[in-house]
Amino acid sequence: MNELAKRFTREENERMWHDKYSHFWYNAPEIFQWTQEDFDRKAKEMKEAGITIVSTVGVTHFRWNYIPFWPRIVETIRKAVIAFHKQGIKFIEHHSSSLIYHPKDEAQWGRVTRYFETHFSKM
């Protein structure tokens, strides 16, 4: 048995092979409109689908671009963590703290705006 496997119980080692992973996409509606009940409902749906681990994906991936929205983003993540943990689902918050995008001109801003529109974001 390798050293990593020795760190876990037999039950934990077996369970790892049966986990089901999914992404939880969050965007403007989740950040600005969803209530705790909305997150609870989504977590329950994912539990019923057999999901045991989720990782976040969202329009705020390049986190430094969204400093004005940090309190709302953090509150969104808090609500999601509460909801998913209630269902026994592990929750991984994923973002890039070292990446940032600064559009240089109107054409680049237009591309950003179109990207957000196609991804249903008003941010």
N, C-alpha and C. Protein backbone atom coordinates (compact mmCIF):
# COMPACT_ATOMS: atom_id res chain seq x y z
N MET A 1 0.86 -1.18 0.00
CA MET A 1 0.00 0.00 0.00
C MET A 1 0.90 1.24 0.00
N ASN A 2 0.60 2.21 -0.86
CA ASN A 2 1.44 3.40 -0.91
C ASN A 2 1.16 4.32 0.29
N GLU A 3 2.06 5.27 0.50
CA GLU A 3 1.98 6.15 1.68
C GLU A 3 0.70 6.99 1.69
N LEU A 4 0.27 7.47 0.54
CA LEU A 4 -0.95 8.28 0.48
C LEU A 4 -2.16 7.45 0.90
N ALA A 5 -2.25 6.24 0.41
CA ALA A 5 -3.39 5.38 0.74
C ALA A 5 -3.43 5.07 2.23
N LYS A 6 -2.28 5.02 2.88
CA LYS A 6 -2.23 4.71 4.32
C LYS A 6 -2.84 5.83 5.16
N ARG A 7 -2.94 7.02 4.63
CA ARG A 7 -3.49 8.16 5.38
C ARG A 7 -5.00 8.07 5.56
N PHE A 8 -5.65 7.23 4.80
CA PHE A 8 -7.10 7.12 4.83
C PHE A 8 -7.52 5.75 5.33
N THR A 9 -8.70 5.70 5.91
CA THR A 9 -9.25 4.40 6.32
C THR A 9 -9.63 3.62 5.07
N ARG A 10 -9.86 2.34 5.24
CA ARG A 10 -10.28 1.50 4.11
C ARG A 10 -11.58 2.04 3.51
N GLU A 11 -12.50 2.45 4.38
CA GLU A 11 -13.79 2.99 3.92
C GLU A 11 -13.58 4.25 3.08
N GLU A 12 -12.69 5.15 3.55
CA GLU A 12 -12.42 6.38 2.80
C GLU A 12 -11.78 6.07 1.45
N ASN A 13 -10.85 5.12 1.43
CA ASN A 13 -10.23 4.73 0.16
C ASN A 13 -11.25 4.19 -0.82
N GLU A 14 -12.17 3.38 -0.35
CA GLU A 14 -13.21 2.82 -1.22
C GLU A 14 -14.17 3.90 -1.72
N ARG A 15 -14.56 4.81 -0.82
CA ARG A 15 -15.51 5.85 -1.19
C ARG A 15 -14.97 6.76 -2.30
N MET A 16 -13.67 7.03 -2.27
CA MET A 16 -13.08 7.92 -3.28
C MET A 16 -13.36 7.45 -4.69
N TRP A 17 -13.47 6.16 -4.90
CA TRP A 17 -13.69 5.62 -6.23
C TRP A 17 -15.15 5.71 -6.64
N HIS A 18 -16.00 6.12 -5.73
CA HIS A 18 -17.43 6.19 -6.03
C HIS A 18 -17.98 7.61 -6.00
N ASP A 19 -17.13 8.61 -5.70
CA ASP A 19 -17.58 9.99 -5.71
C ASP A 19 -17.99 10.40 -7.12
N LYS A 20 -18.99 11.28 -7.20
CA LYS A 20 -19.43 11.84 -8.48
C LYS A 20 -19.21 13.34 -8.42
N TYR A 21 -18.45 13.84 -9.38
CA TYR A 21 -18.03 15.23 -9.40
C TYR A 21 -18.85 16.02 -10.42
N SER A 22 -19.15 17.28 -10.07
CA SER A 22 -19.83 18.16 -11.01
C SER A 22 -19.39 19.59 -10.75
N HIS A 23 -19.65 20.45 -11.72
CA HIS A 23 -19.42 21.88 -11.54
C HIS A 23 -20.71 22.54 -11.07
N PHE A 24 -20.55 23.59 -10.27
CA PHE A 24 -21.69 24.44 -9.93
C PHE A 24 -21.40 25.80 -10.57
N TRP A 25 -22.11 26.10 -11.65
CA TRP A 25 -21.93 27.36 -12.36
C TRP A 25 -22.75 28.43 -11.66
N TYR A 26 -22.10 29.54 -11.29
CA TYR A 26 -22.87 30.65 -10.75
C TYR A 26 -22.52 31.91 -11.52
N ASN A 27 -23.51 32.78 -11.63
CA ASN A 27 -23.40 33.96 -12.46
C ASN A 27 -24.22 35.07 -11.82
N ALA A 28 -24.60 36.06 -12.60
CA ALA A 28 -25.34 37.21 -12.05
C ALA A 28 -26.63 36.82 -11.33
N PRO A 29 -27.47 35.93 -11.87
CA PRO A 29 -28.71 35.60 -11.14
C PRO A 29 -28.43 35.03 -9.75
N GLU A 30 -27.46 34.12 -9.67
CA GLU A 30 -27.14 33.52 -8.38
C GLU A 30 -26.56 34.57 -7.42
N ILE A 31 -25.72 35.46 -7.95
CA ILE A 31 -25.08 36.47 -7.10
C ILE A 31 -26.07 37.53 -6.64
N PHE A 32 -26.95 37.98 -7.52
CA PHE A 32 -27.81 39.11 -7.19
C PHE A 32 -29.25 38.77 -6.84
N GLN A 33 -29.70 37.55 -7.17
CA GLN A 33 -31.12 37.25 -6.99
C GLN A 33 -31.41 36.04 -6.10
N TRP A 34 -30.56 35.03 -6.11
CA TRP A 34 -30.88 33.79 -5.41
C TRP A 34 -30.93 33.97 -3.90
N THR A 35 -31.88 33.30 -3.30
CA THR A 35 -32.01 33.25 -1.85
C THR A 35 -31.38 31.94 -1.35
N GLN A 36 -31.30 31.79 -0.04
CA GLN A 36 -30.80 30.54 0.52
C GLN A 36 -31.65 29.36 0.04
N GLU A 37 -32.94 29.58 -0.08
CA GLU A 37 -33.84 28.52 -0.55
C GLU A 37 -33.51 28.09 -1.98
N ASP A 38 -33.12 29.03 -2.83
CA ASP A 38 -32.72 28.69 -4.20
C ASP A 38 -31.48 27.79 -4.20
N PHE A 39 -30.51 28.15 -3.37
CA PHE A 39 -29.30 27.33 -3.26
C PHE A 39 -29.64 25.96 -2.68
N ASP A 40 -30.50 25.94 -1.67
CA ASP A 40 -30.92 24.66 -1.08
C ASP A 40 -31.56 23.76 -2.12
N ARG A 41 -32.41 24.33 -2.95
CA ARG A 41 -33.10 23.56 -4.00
C ARG A 41 -32.09 22.99 -5.01
N LYS A 42 -31.13 23.82 -5.42
CA LYS A 42 -30.12 23.36 -6.38
C LYS A 42 -29.26 22.25 -5.78
N ALA A 43 -28.85 22.42 -4.54
CA ALA A 43 -28.04 21.39 -3.88
C ALA A 43 -28.81 20.08 -3.76
N LYS A 44 -30.09 20.17 -3.45
CA LYS A 44 -30.92 18.97 -3.34
C LYS A 44 -31.03 18.26 -4.70
N GLU A 45 -31.21 19.04 -5.77
CA GLU A 45 -31.27 18.46 -7.12
C GLU A 45 -29.98 17.71 -7.44
N MET A 46 -28.85 18.31 -7.08
CA MET A 46 -27.57 17.68 -7.39
C MET A 46 -27.37 16.43 -6.53
N LYS A 47 -27.80 16.48 -5.28
CA LYS A 47 -27.73 15.29 -4.42
C LYS A 47 -28.57 14.16 -5.01
N GLU A 48 -29.78 14.49 -5.45
CA GLU A 48 -30.66 13.49 -6.05
C GLU A 48 -30.08 12.90 -7.33
N ALA A 49 -29.20 13.66 -8.00
CA ALA A 49 -28.53 13.17 -9.20
C ALA A 49 -27.29 12.34 -8.86
N GLY A 50 -27.00 12.22 -7.56
CA GLY A 50 -25.88 11.40 -7.13
C GLY A 50 -24.56 12.14 -6.98
N ILE A 51 -24.58 13.46 -7.10
CA ILE A 51 -23.35 14.25 -7.00
C ILE A 51 -22.87 14.25 -5.55
N THR A 52 -21.55 14.07 -5.36
CA THR A 52 -20.97 14.08 -4.01
C THR A 52 -19.93 15.19 -3.84
N ILE A 53 -19.44 15.76 -4.94
CA ILE A 53 -18.44 16.83 -4.89
C ILE A 53 -18.78 17.85 -5.98
N VAL A 54 -18.78 19.14 -5.64
CA VAL A 54 -18.94 20.18 -6.66
C VAL A 54 -17.78 21.16 -6.57
N SER A 55 -17.45 21.74 -7.71
CA SER A 55 -16.45 22.79 -7.80
C SER A 55 -17.11 23.97 -8.50
N THR A 56 -16.84 25.18 -8.02
CA THR A 56 -17.48 26.35 -8.62
C THR A 56 -16.83 26.73 -9.94
N VAL A 57 -17.65 27.24 -10.82
CA VAL A 57 -17.23 27.83 -12.08
C VAL A 57 -18.15 29.03 -12.25
N GLY A 58 -17.60 30.15 -12.66
CA GLY A 58 -18.47 31.30 -12.82
C GLY A 58 -17.82 32.43 -13.58
N VAL A 59 -18.64 33.41 -13.86
CA VAL A 59 -18.19 34.57 -14.60
C VAL A 59 -17.17 35.37 -13.79
N THR A 60 -17.12 35.19 -12.48
CA THR A 60 -16.19 35.94 -11.63
C THR A 60 -14.88 35.19 -11.41
N HIS A 61 -14.54 34.29 -12.33
CA HIS A 61 -13.33 33.47 -12.19
C HIS A 61 -12.08 34.35 -12.02
N PHE A 62 -11.95 35.41 -12.82
CA PHE A 62 -10.82 36.33 -12.68
C PHE A 62 -11.18 37.30 -11.55
N ARG A 63 -11.04 36.84 -10.32
CA ARG A 63 -11.61 37.50 -9.16
C ARG A 63 -11.20 38.96 -8.99
N TRP A 64 -9.97 39.33 -9.32
CA TRP A 64 -9.55 40.71 -9.12
C TRP A 64 -10.36 41.69 -9.97
N ASN A 65 -10.93 41.25 -11.05
CA ASN A 65 -11.77 42.13 -11.88
C ASN A 65 -13.08 42.49 -11.18
N TYR A 66 -13.41 41.80 -10.11
CA TYR A 66 -14.72 41.96 -9.49
C TYR A 66 -14.64 42.45 -8.04
N ILE A 67 -13.60 43.20 -7.72
CA ILE A 67 -13.44 43.70 -6.36
C ILE A 67 -14.68 44.43 -5.87
N PRO A 68 -15.34 45.27 -6.69
CA PRO A 68 -16.55 45.94 -6.19
C PRO A 68 -17.66 44.97 -5.78
N PHE A 69 -17.62 43.76 -6.30
CA PHE A 69 -18.67 42.78 -6.02
C PHE A 69 -18.26 41.74 -4.97
N TRP A 70 -17.07 41.85 -4.39
CA TRP A 70 -16.59 40.82 -3.47
C TRP A 70 -17.56 40.50 -2.34
N PRO A 71 -18.13 41.49 -1.68
CA PRO A 71 -19.07 41.13 -0.60
C PRO A 71 -20.23 40.26 -1.11
N ARG A 72 -20.73 40.56 -2.28
CA ARG A 72 -21.83 39.75 -2.84
C ARG A 72 -21.34 38.37 -3.26
N ILE A 73 -20.16 38.30 -3.84
CA ILE A 73 -19.59 37.02 -4.26
C ILE A 73 -19.36 36.13 -3.04
N VAL A 74 -18.78 36.70 -2.00
CA VAL A 74 -18.53 35.93 -0.77
C VAL A 74 -19.85 35.46 -0.16
N GLU A 75 -20.86 36.30 -0.15
CA GLU A 75 -22.17 35.91 0.37
C GLU A 75 -22.78 34.79 -0.47
N THR A 76 -22.60 34.86 -1.78
CA THR A 76 -23.09 33.81 -2.68
C THR A 76 -22.41 32.49 -2.34
N ILE A 77 -21.10 32.52 -2.19
CA ILE A 77 -20.35 31.31 -1.86
C ILE A 77 -20.79 30.77 -0.50
N ARG A 78 -21.00 31.66 0.47
CA ARG A 78 -21.45 31.23 1.80
C ARG A 78 -22.78 30.48 1.71
N LYS A 79 -23.73 31.05 0.98
CA LYS A 79 -25.03 30.40 0.82
C LYS A 79 -24.89 29.04 0.14
N ALA A 80 -24.04 28.98 -0.88
CA ALA A 80 -23.84 27.72 -1.59
C ALA A 80 -23.21 26.67 -0.68
N VAL A 81 -22.20 27.06 0.07
CA VAL A 81 -21.54 26.11 0.99
C VAL A 81 -22.54 25.56 1.99
N ILE A 82 -23.35 26.42 2.57
CA ILE A 82 -24.37 25.97 3.53
C ILE A 82 -25.29 24.95 2.86
N ALA A 83 -25.78 25.28 1.68
CA ALA A 83 -26.73 24.40 0.98
C ALA A 83 -26.11 23.06 0.62
N PHE A 84 -24.93 23.07 0.05
CA PHE A 84 -24.31 21.82 -0.38
C PHE A 84 -23.88 20.97 0.81
N HIS A 85 -23.36 21.60 1.85
CA HIS A 85 -22.98 20.83 3.04
C HIS A 85 -24.19 20.20 3.72
N LYS A 86 -25.34 20.88 3.69
CA LYS A 86 -26.57 20.27 4.23
C LYS A 86 -26.89 18.96 3.54
N GLN A 87 -26.52 18.86 2.27
CA GLN A 87 -26.80 17.66 1.48
C GLN A 87 -25.64 16.66 1.53
N GLY A 88 -24.60 17.00 2.31
CA GLY A 88 -23.44 16.10 2.40
C GLY A 88 -22.54 16.15 1.18
N ILE A 89 -22.62 17.22 0.41
CA ILE A 89 -21.81 17.38 -0.80
C ILE A 89 -20.60 18.25 -0.48
N LYS A 90 -19.42 17.76 -0.85
CA LYS A 90 -18.20 18.56 -0.67
C LYS A 90 -18.23 19.72 -1.66
N PHE A 91 -17.74 20.88 -1.22
CA PHE A 91 -17.83 22.10 -2.03
C PHE A 91 -16.43 22.69 -2.19
N ILE A 92 -15.99 22.84 -3.44
CA ILE A 92 -14.68 23.40 -3.73
C ILE A 92 -14.89 24.73 -4.43
N GLU A 93 -14.43 25.82 -3.81
CA GLU A 93 -14.54 27.14 -4.43
C GLU A 93 -13.31 27.34 -5.30
N HIS A 94 -13.52 27.64 -6.56
CA HIS A 94 -12.42 27.75 -7.52
C HIS A 94 -12.45 29.12 -8.19
N HIS A 95 -11.31 29.78 -8.17
CA HIS A 95 -11.15 31.03 -8.91
C HIS A 95 -9.67 31.26 -9.17
N SER A 96 -9.35 32.25 -9.97
CA SER A 96 -7.96 32.61 -10.23
C SER A 96 -7.68 33.95 -9.58
N SER A 97 -6.81 33.94 -8.60
CA SER A 97 -6.47 35.20 -7.94
C SER A 97 -5.28 35.87 -8.61
N SER A 98 -4.64 35.19 -9.55
CA SER A 98 -3.47 35.77 -10.20
C SER A 98 -3.76 36.23 -11.64
N LEU A 99 -4.99 36.05 -12.09
CA LEU A 99 -5.33 36.46 -13.45
C LEU A 99 -6.26 37.67 -13.41
N ILE A 100 -6.07 38.55 -14.37
CA ILE A 100 -6.92 39.73 -14.48
C ILE A 100 -7.02 40.11 -15.96
N TYR A 101 -8.09 40.74 -16.31
CA TYR A 101 -8.27 41.15 -17.70
C TYR A 101 -8.60 42.63 -17.72
N HIS A 102 -7.78 43.41 -18.41
CA HIS A 102 -8.00 44.85 -18.56
C HIS A 102 -8.17 45.17 -20.04
N PRO A 103 -9.40 45.34 -20.50
CA PRO A 103 -9.60 45.72 -21.91
C PRO A 103 -8.90 47.05 -22.20
N LYS A 104 -8.23 47.11 -23.34
CA LYS A 104 -7.42 48.28 -23.68
C LYS A 104 -8.18 49.34 -24.47
N ASP A 105 -9.22 48.90 -25.18
CA ASP A 105 -9.92 49.85 -26.04
C ASP A 105 -11.39 49.44 -26.17
N GLU A 106 -12.14 50.23 -26.92
CA GLU A 106 -13.58 49.97 -27.09
C GLU A 106 -13.85 48.60 -27.72
N ALA A 107 -13.01 48.19 -28.66
CA ALA A 107 -13.21 46.89 -29.31
C ALA A 107 -13.10 45.76 -28.29
N GLN A 108 -12.10 45.84 -27.41
CA GLN A 108 -11.94 44.81 -26.39
C GLN A 108 -13.09 44.86 -25.38
N TRP A 109 -13.53 46.05 -25.01
CA TRP A 109 -14.68 46.15 -24.11
C TRP A 109 -15.91 45.53 -24.76
N GLY A 110 -16.05 45.72 -26.07
CA GLY A 110 -17.17 45.12 -26.79
C GLY A 110 -17.13 43.60 -26.71
N ARG A 111 -15.94 43.02 -26.84
CA ARG A 111 -15.81 41.56 -26.73
C ARG A 111 -16.19 41.09 -25.33
N VAL A 112 -15.76 41.84 -24.31
CA VAL A 112 -16.11 41.48 -22.93
C VAL A 112 -17.62 41.54 -22.74
N THR A 113 -18.23 42.62 -23.22
CA THR A 113 -19.68 42.79 -23.09
C THR A 113 -20.43 41.66 -23.79
N ARG A 114 -20.00 41.32 -25.00
CA ARG A 114 -20.65 40.22 -25.73
C ARG A 114 -20.47 38.89 -25.00
N TYR A 115 -19.29 38.66 -24.44
CA TYR A 115 -19.05 37.43 -23.68
C TYR A 115 -20.04 37.35 -22.52
N PHE A 116 -20.14 38.44 -21.76
CA PHE A 116 -21.05 38.44 -20.61
C PHE A 116 -22.49 38.22 -21.06
N GLU A 117 -22.88 38.86 -22.15
CA GLU A 117 -24.26 38.70 -22.63
C GLU A 117 -24.54 37.26 -23.03
N THR A 118 -23.59 36.61 -23.69
CA THR A 118 -23.81 35.21 -24.10
C THR A 118 -23.75 34.26 -22.92
N HIS A 119 -23.16 34.70 -21.81
CA HIS A 119 -23.10 33.87 -20.60
C HIS A 119 -24.10 34.36 -19.55
N PHE A 120 -25.06 35.14 -20.01
CA PHE A 120 -26.19 35.58 -19.18
C PHE A 120 -25.76 36.36 -17.94
N SER A 121 -24.77 37.23 -18.11
CA SER A 121 -24.31 38.04 -16.98
C SER A 121 -24.50 39.51 -17.28
N LYS A 122 -24.80 40.25 -16.24
CA LYS A 122 -24.92 41.70 -16.36
C LYS A 122 -23.78 42.38 -15.60
N MET A 123 -22.80 41.61 -15.19
CA MET A 123 -21.70 42.17 -14.39
C MET A 123 -20.73 42.91 -15.29
